[in-house]
N, C-alpha and C. Protein backbone atom coordinates (compact mmCIF):
# COMPACT_ATOMS: atom_id res chain seq x y z
N MET A 1 -55.30 131.48 101.26
CA MET A 1 -53.95 131.31 100.76
C MET A 1 -53.80 130.02 99.98
N ALA A 2 -54.47 128.95 100.46
CA ALA A 2 -54.38 127.66 99.77
C ALA A 2 -54.93 127.76 98.35
N GLU A 3 -56.03 128.47 98.19
CA GLU A 3 -56.62 128.63 96.85
C GLU A 3 -55.68 129.41 95.94
N PHE A 4 -55.05 130.45 96.47
CA PHE A 4 -54.10 131.23 95.68
C PHE A 4 -52.95 130.35 95.21
N LEU A 5 -52.41 129.53 96.10
CA LEU A 5 -51.29 128.65 95.73
C LEU A 5 -51.73 127.61 94.70
N GLU A 6 -52.96 127.13 94.82
CA GLU A 6 -53.48 126.19 93.82
C GLU A 6 -53.57 126.86 92.46
N ILE A 7 -54.02 128.09 92.43
CA ILE A 7 -54.11 128.83 91.17
C ILE A 7 -52.73 129.05 90.58
N VAL A 8 -51.76 129.40 91.41
CA VAL A 8 -50.38 129.58 90.93
C VAL A 8 -49.87 128.28 90.31
N MET A 9 -50.11 127.15 90.97
CA MET A 9 -49.68 125.86 90.46
C MET A 9 -50.32 125.55 89.12
N ILE A 10 -51.62 125.70 89.03
CA ILE A 10 -52.33 125.32 87.81
C ILE A 10 -51.99 126.26 86.66
N VAL A 11 -51.79 127.54 86.93
CA VAL A 11 -51.39 128.49 85.89
C VAL A 11 -49.96 128.21 85.43
N SER A 12 -49.09 127.86 86.36
CA SER A 12 -47.71 127.54 85.99
C SER A 12 -47.67 126.31 85.09
N PHE A 13 -48.40 125.28 85.46
CA PHE A 13 -48.47 124.10 84.60
C PHE A 13 -49.08 124.46 83.25
N GLY A 14 -50.14 125.25 83.31
CA GLY A 14 -50.85 125.62 82.10
C GLY A 14 -50.02 126.45 81.14
N ALA A 15 -49.11 127.25 81.65
CA ALA A 15 -48.27 128.08 80.79
C ALA A 15 -47.34 127.24 79.93
N SER A 16 -46.98 126.06 80.41
CA SER A 16 -46.04 125.23 79.65
C SER A 16 -46.73 124.41 78.56
N TRP A 17 -48.01 124.11 78.71
CA TRP A 17 -48.67 123.23 77.75
C TRP A 17 -48.79 123.82 76.34
N PRO A 18 -49.14 125.09 76.17
CA PRO A 18 -49.21 125.60 74.79
C PRO A 18 -47.86 125.50 74.06
N MET A 19 -46.78 125.74 74.79
CA MET A 19 -45.45 125.61 74.17
C MET A 19 -45.17 124.16 73.80
N ASN A 20 -45.60 123.23 74.64
CA ASN A 20 -45.39 121.82 74.37
C ASN A 20 -46.22 121.36 73.17
N VAL A 21 -47.45 121.85 73.10
CA VAL A 21 -48.32 121.51 71.96
C VAL A 21 -47.71 122.04 70.66
N LEU A 22 -47.23 123.26 70.68
CA LEU A 22 -46.59 123.84 69.49
C LEU A 22 -45.36 123.04 69.09
N LYS A 23 -44.57 122.63 70.06
CA LYS A 23 -43.38 121.83 69.78
C LYS A 23 -43.77 120.49 69.15
N SER A 24 -44.81 119.85 69.68
CA SER A 24 -45.28 118.59 69.11
C SER A 24 -45.78 118.78 67.68
N TYR A 25 -46.47 119.87 67.46
CA TYR A 25 -47.01 120.16 66.13
C TYR A 25 -45.88 120.34 65.11
N ARG A 26 -44.87 121.08 65.50
CA ARG A 26 -43.75 121.36 64.59
C ARG A 26 -42.83 120.17 64.41
N ALA A 27 -42.64 119.37 65.46
CA ALA A 27 -41.68 118.26 65.41
C ALA A 27 -42.13 117.16 64.45
N ARG A 28 -43.42 116.90 64.39
CA ARG A 28 -43.97 115.87 63.51
C ARG A 28 -43.35 114.50 63.77
N THR A 29 -43.00 114.22 65.02
CA THR A 29 -42.47 112.92 65.43
C THR A 29 -42.82 112.68 66.89
N THR A 30 -42.83 111.41 67.27
CA THR A 30 -43.10 111.06 68.66
C THR A 30 -41.81 110.90 69.46
N LYS A 31 -40.69 111.07 68.81
CA LYS A 31 -39.41 110.95 69.53
C LYS A 31 -39.38 111.93 70.70
N GLY A 32 -39.01 111.41 71.86
CA GLY A 32 -38.93 112.25 73.04
C GLY A 32 -40.25 112.43 73.77
N LYS A 33 -41.31 111.81 73.29
CA LYS A 33 -42.63 111.93 73.94
C LYS A 33 -42.96 110.61 74.63
N SER A 34 -43.67 110.71 75.73
CA SER A 34 -44.10 109.54 76.47
C SER A 34 -45.62 109.50 76.50
N LEU A 35 -46.18 108.48 75.87
CA LEU A 35 -47.63 108.32 75.85
C LEU A 35 -48.17 108.09 77.27
N ALA A 36 -47.45 107.29 78.05
CA ALA A 36 -47.89 107.02 79.42
C ALA A 36 -47.91 108.32 80.24
N PHE A 37 -46.93 109.18 80.05
CA PHE A 37 -46.87 110.45 80.76
C PHE A 37 -48.07 111.31 80.41
N LEU A 38 -48.40 111.40 79.12
CA LEU A 38 -49.54 112.22 78.70
C LEU A 38 -50.84 111.71 79.31
N TYR A 39 -51.03 110.38 79.29
CA TYR A 39 -52.25 109.82 79.88
C TYR A 39 -52.28 110.03 81.39
N LEU A 40 -51.14 109.94 82.05
CA LEU A 40 -51.09 110.15 83.49
C LEU A 40 -51.44 111.59 83.84
N ILE A 41 -50.91 112.55 83.10
CA ILE A 41 -51.24 113.96 83.33
C ILE A 41 -52.71 114.21 83.05
N LEU A 42 -53.23 113.65 81.97
CA LEU A 42 -54.65 113.79 81.64
C LEU A 42 -55.51 113.25 82.77
N PHE A 43 -55.14 112.09 83.28
CA PHE A 43 -55.87 111.49 84.41
C PHE A 43 -55.81 112.41 85.63
N GLY A 44 -54.67 113.01 85.88
CA GLY A 44 -54.52 113.92 87.01
C GLY A 44 -55.45 115.11 86.89
N TYR A 45 -55.58 115.66 85.69
CA TYR A 45 -56.49 116.79 85.50
C TYR A 45 -57.95 116.36 85.66
N VAL A 46 -58.28 115.15 85.22
CA VAL A 46 -59.64 114.64 85.43
C VAL A 46 -59.92 114.55 86.94
N ALA A 47 -58.95 114.05 87.69
CA ALA A 47 -59.11 113.96 89.14
C ALA A 47 -59.25 115.34 89.76
N GLY A 48 -58.48 116.31 89.29
CA GLY A 48 -58.57 117.68 89.80
C GLY A 48 -59.93 118.30 89.52
N ILE A 49 -60.42 118.07 88.31
CA ILE A 49 -61.75 118.59 87.94
C ILE A 49 -62.83 117.92 88.79
N ALA A 50 -62.73 116.60 88.93
CA ALA A 50 -63.71 115.88 89.74
C ALA A 50 -63.68 116.35 91.19
N SER A 51 -62.48 116.64 91.69
CA SER A 51 -62.37 117.09 93.09
C SER A 51 -63.13 118.39 93.31
N LYS A 52 -63.18 119.24 92.31
CA LYS A 52 -63.92 120.49 92.44
C LYS A 52 -65.43 120.24 92.52
N PHE A 53 -65.90 119.28 91.72
CA PHE A 53 -67.34 119.00 91.71
C PHE A 53 -67.83 118.32 92.99
N VAL A 54 -66.96 117.57 93.66
CA VAL A 54 -67.38 116.89 94.89
C VAL A 54 -67.08 117.71 96.14
N ASN A 55 -66.42 118.84 95.99
CA ASN A 55 -66.11 119.72 97.11
C ASN A 55 -67.29 120.66 97.34
N GLU A 56 -68.03 120.39 98.41
CA GLU A 56 -69.24 121.17 98.68
C GLU A 56 -68.94 122.65 98.89
N ALA A 57 -67.85 122.96 99.58
CA ALA A 57 -67.50 124.36 99.84
C ALA A 57 -67.18 125.08 98.53
N TYR A 58 -66.47 124.40 97.64
CA TYR A 58 -66.15 125.01 96.34
C TYR A 58 -67.42 125.24 95.53
N MET A 59 -68.27 124.23 95.48
CA MET A 59 -69.49 124.35 94.69
C MET A 59 -70.42 125.43 95.26
N ALA A 60 -70.41 125.60 96.56
CA ALA A 60 -71.25 126.64 97.17
C ALA A 60 -70.77 128.03 96.78
N ALA A 61 -69.48 128.16 96.53
CA ALA A 61 -68.90 129.45 96.17
C ALA A 61 -68.51 129.49 94.69
N PHE A 62 -69.11 128.63 93.87
CA PHE A 62 -68.73 128.50 92.46
C PHE A 62 -68.80 129.82 91.71
N ALA A 63 -69.79 130.62 91.97
CA ALA A 63 -69.95 131.90 91.26
C ALA A 63 -68.73 132.81 91.45
N GLN A 64 -68.07 132.70 92.59
CA GLN A 64 -66.90 133.52 92.85
C GLN A 64 -65.59 132.81 92.50
N LYS A 65 -65.62 131.48 92.39
CA LYS A 65 -64.39 130.72 92.19
C LYS A 65 -64.39 129.88 90.92
N TRP A 66 -65.20 130.21 89.95
CA TRP A 66 -65.30 129.44 88.71
C TRP A 66 -63.97 129.38 87.96
N TYR A 67 -63.14 130.40 88.11
CA TYR A 67 -61.89 130.50 87.37
C TYR A 67 -60.92 129.37 87.70
N VAL A 68 -60.99 128.83 88.90
CA VAL A 68 -60.11 127.71 89.26
C VAL A 68 -60.43 126.51 88.37
N LEU A 69 -61.70 126.17 88.27
CA LEU A 69 -62.13 125.06 87.42
C LEU A 69 -61.80 125.36 85.96
N PHE A 70 -61.95 126.60 85.55
CA PHE A 70 -61.62 126.99 84.18
C PHE A 70 -60.19 126.61 83.82
N PHE A 71 -59.25 126.89 84.72
CA PHE A 71 -57.85 126.59 84.42
C PHE A 71 -57.58 125.08 84.39
N TYR A 72 -58.26 124.33 85.24
CA TYR A 72 -58.14 122.87 85.16
C TYR A 72 -58.62 122.37 83.80
N VAL A 73 -59.77 122.86 83.37
CA VAL A 73 -60.34 122.43 82.09
C VAL A 73 -59.44 122.88 80.93
N LEU A 74 -58.93 124.09 80.99
CA LEU A 74 -58.03 124.58 79.95
C LEU A 74 -56.79 123.70 79.84
N ASN A 75 -56.20 123.35 80.97
CA ASN A 75 -55.03 122.47 80.95
C ASN A 75 -55.38 121.10 80.40
N PHE A 76 -56.55 120.59 80.77
CA PHE A 76 -57.01 119.30 80.24
C PHE A 76 -57.10 119.35 78.72
N VAL A 77 -57.64 120.43 78.20
CA VAL A 77 -57.77 120.59 76.74
C VAL A 77 -56.38 120.65 76.09
N MET A 78 -55.44 121.34 76.71
CA MET A 78 -54.08 121.43 76.16
C MET A 78 -53.40 120.07 76.13
N VAL A 79 -53.53 119.30 77.21
CA VAL A 79 -52.94 117.97 77.24
C VAL A 79 -53.64 117.08 76.22
N GLY A 80 -54.95 117.23 76.10
CA GLY A 80 -55.70 116.47 75.09
C GLY A 80 -55.22 116.79 73.69
N ALA A 81 -54.95 118.05 73.41
CA ALA A 81 -54.43 118.44 72.09
C ALA A 81 -53.06 117.81 71.86
N ASP A 82 -52.23 117.80 72.89
CA ASP A 82 -50.90 117.18 72.75
C ASP A 82 -51.04 115.69 72.52
N LEU A 83 -52.02 115.06 73.15
CA LEU A 83 -52.26 113.63 72.95
C LEU A 83 -52.71 113.35 71.52
N ILE A 84 -53.58 114.18 70.99
CA ILE A 84 -54.02 114.03 69.60
C ILE A 84 -52.82 114.19 68.66
N LEU A 85 -51.97 115.16 68.94
CA LEU A 85 -50.77 115.35 68.12
C LEU A 85 -49.82 114.17 68.24
N TYR A 86 -49.77 113.54 69.40
CA TYR A 86 -48.93 112.34 69.55
C TYR A 86 -49.35 111.28 68.54
N TYR A 87 -50.66 111.02 68.47
CA TYR A 87 -51.15 110.00 67.53
C TYR A 87 -50.94 110.43 66.08
N ARG A 88 -51.11 111.71 65.79
CA ARG A 88 -50.81 112.21 64.44
C ARG A 88 -49.35 111.98 64.11
N ASN A 89 -48.48 112.32 65.05
CA ASN A 89 -47.05 112.19 64.83
C ASN A 89 -46.62 110.72 64.74
N LYS A 90 -47.30 109.85 65.47
CA LYS A 90 -47.00 108.42 65.39
C LYS A 90 -47.32 107.91 63.99
N LYS A 91 -48.42 108.38 63.42
CA LYS A 91 -48.79 108.00 62.06
C LYS A 91 -47.73 108.51 61.06
N ILE A 92 -47.27 109.72 61.26
CA ILE A 92 -46.21 110.29 60.40
C ILE A 92 -44.93 109.48 60.55
N ASP A 93 -44.59 109.08 61.78
CA ASP A 93 -43.41 108.26 62.00
C ASP A 93 -43.52 106.94 61.24
N LYS A 94 -44.69 106.32 61.27
CA LYS A 94 -44.90 105.06 60.54
C LYS A 94 -44.75 105.27 59.03
N GLU A 95 -45.33 106.34 58.54
CA GLU A 95 -45.23 106.61 57.11
C GLU A 95 -43.79 106.85 56.68
N ASN A 96 -42.98 107.42 57.57
CA ASN A 96 -41.57 107.70 57.26
C ASN A 96 -40.66 106.55 57.62
N GLY A 97 -41.24 105.43 58.11
CA GLY A 97 -40.44 104.24 58.44
C GLY A 97 -39.61 104.40 59.70
N ILE A 98 -39.98 105.31 60.57
CA ILE A 98 -39.22 105.53 61.80
C ILE A 98 -39.58 104.47 62.85
N ILE A 99 -40.86 104.06 62.87
CA ILE A 99 -41.27 103.00 63.80
C ILE A 99 -41.96 101.89 63.06
């Protein structure tokens, strides 16, 4: 049951990131974004991924439970994309004299 709830949590978080990345891409500004928040979330996903690698029970059953790690990595990639867009948008803000 604990694994199922973890999957629900990670999929729920993961469902919101593509929408957030699209919003960042379209907005072309850093207004309303927090760089510290993005780095904190990214760090959290790194910790989640690392926790899977140091969990002997998980690694022993990796062939059956690989999908859990997949969703952590997918979310990490989404947050990373949003972080890249943050820096792109910051450059656009500078060019437009916003910051």
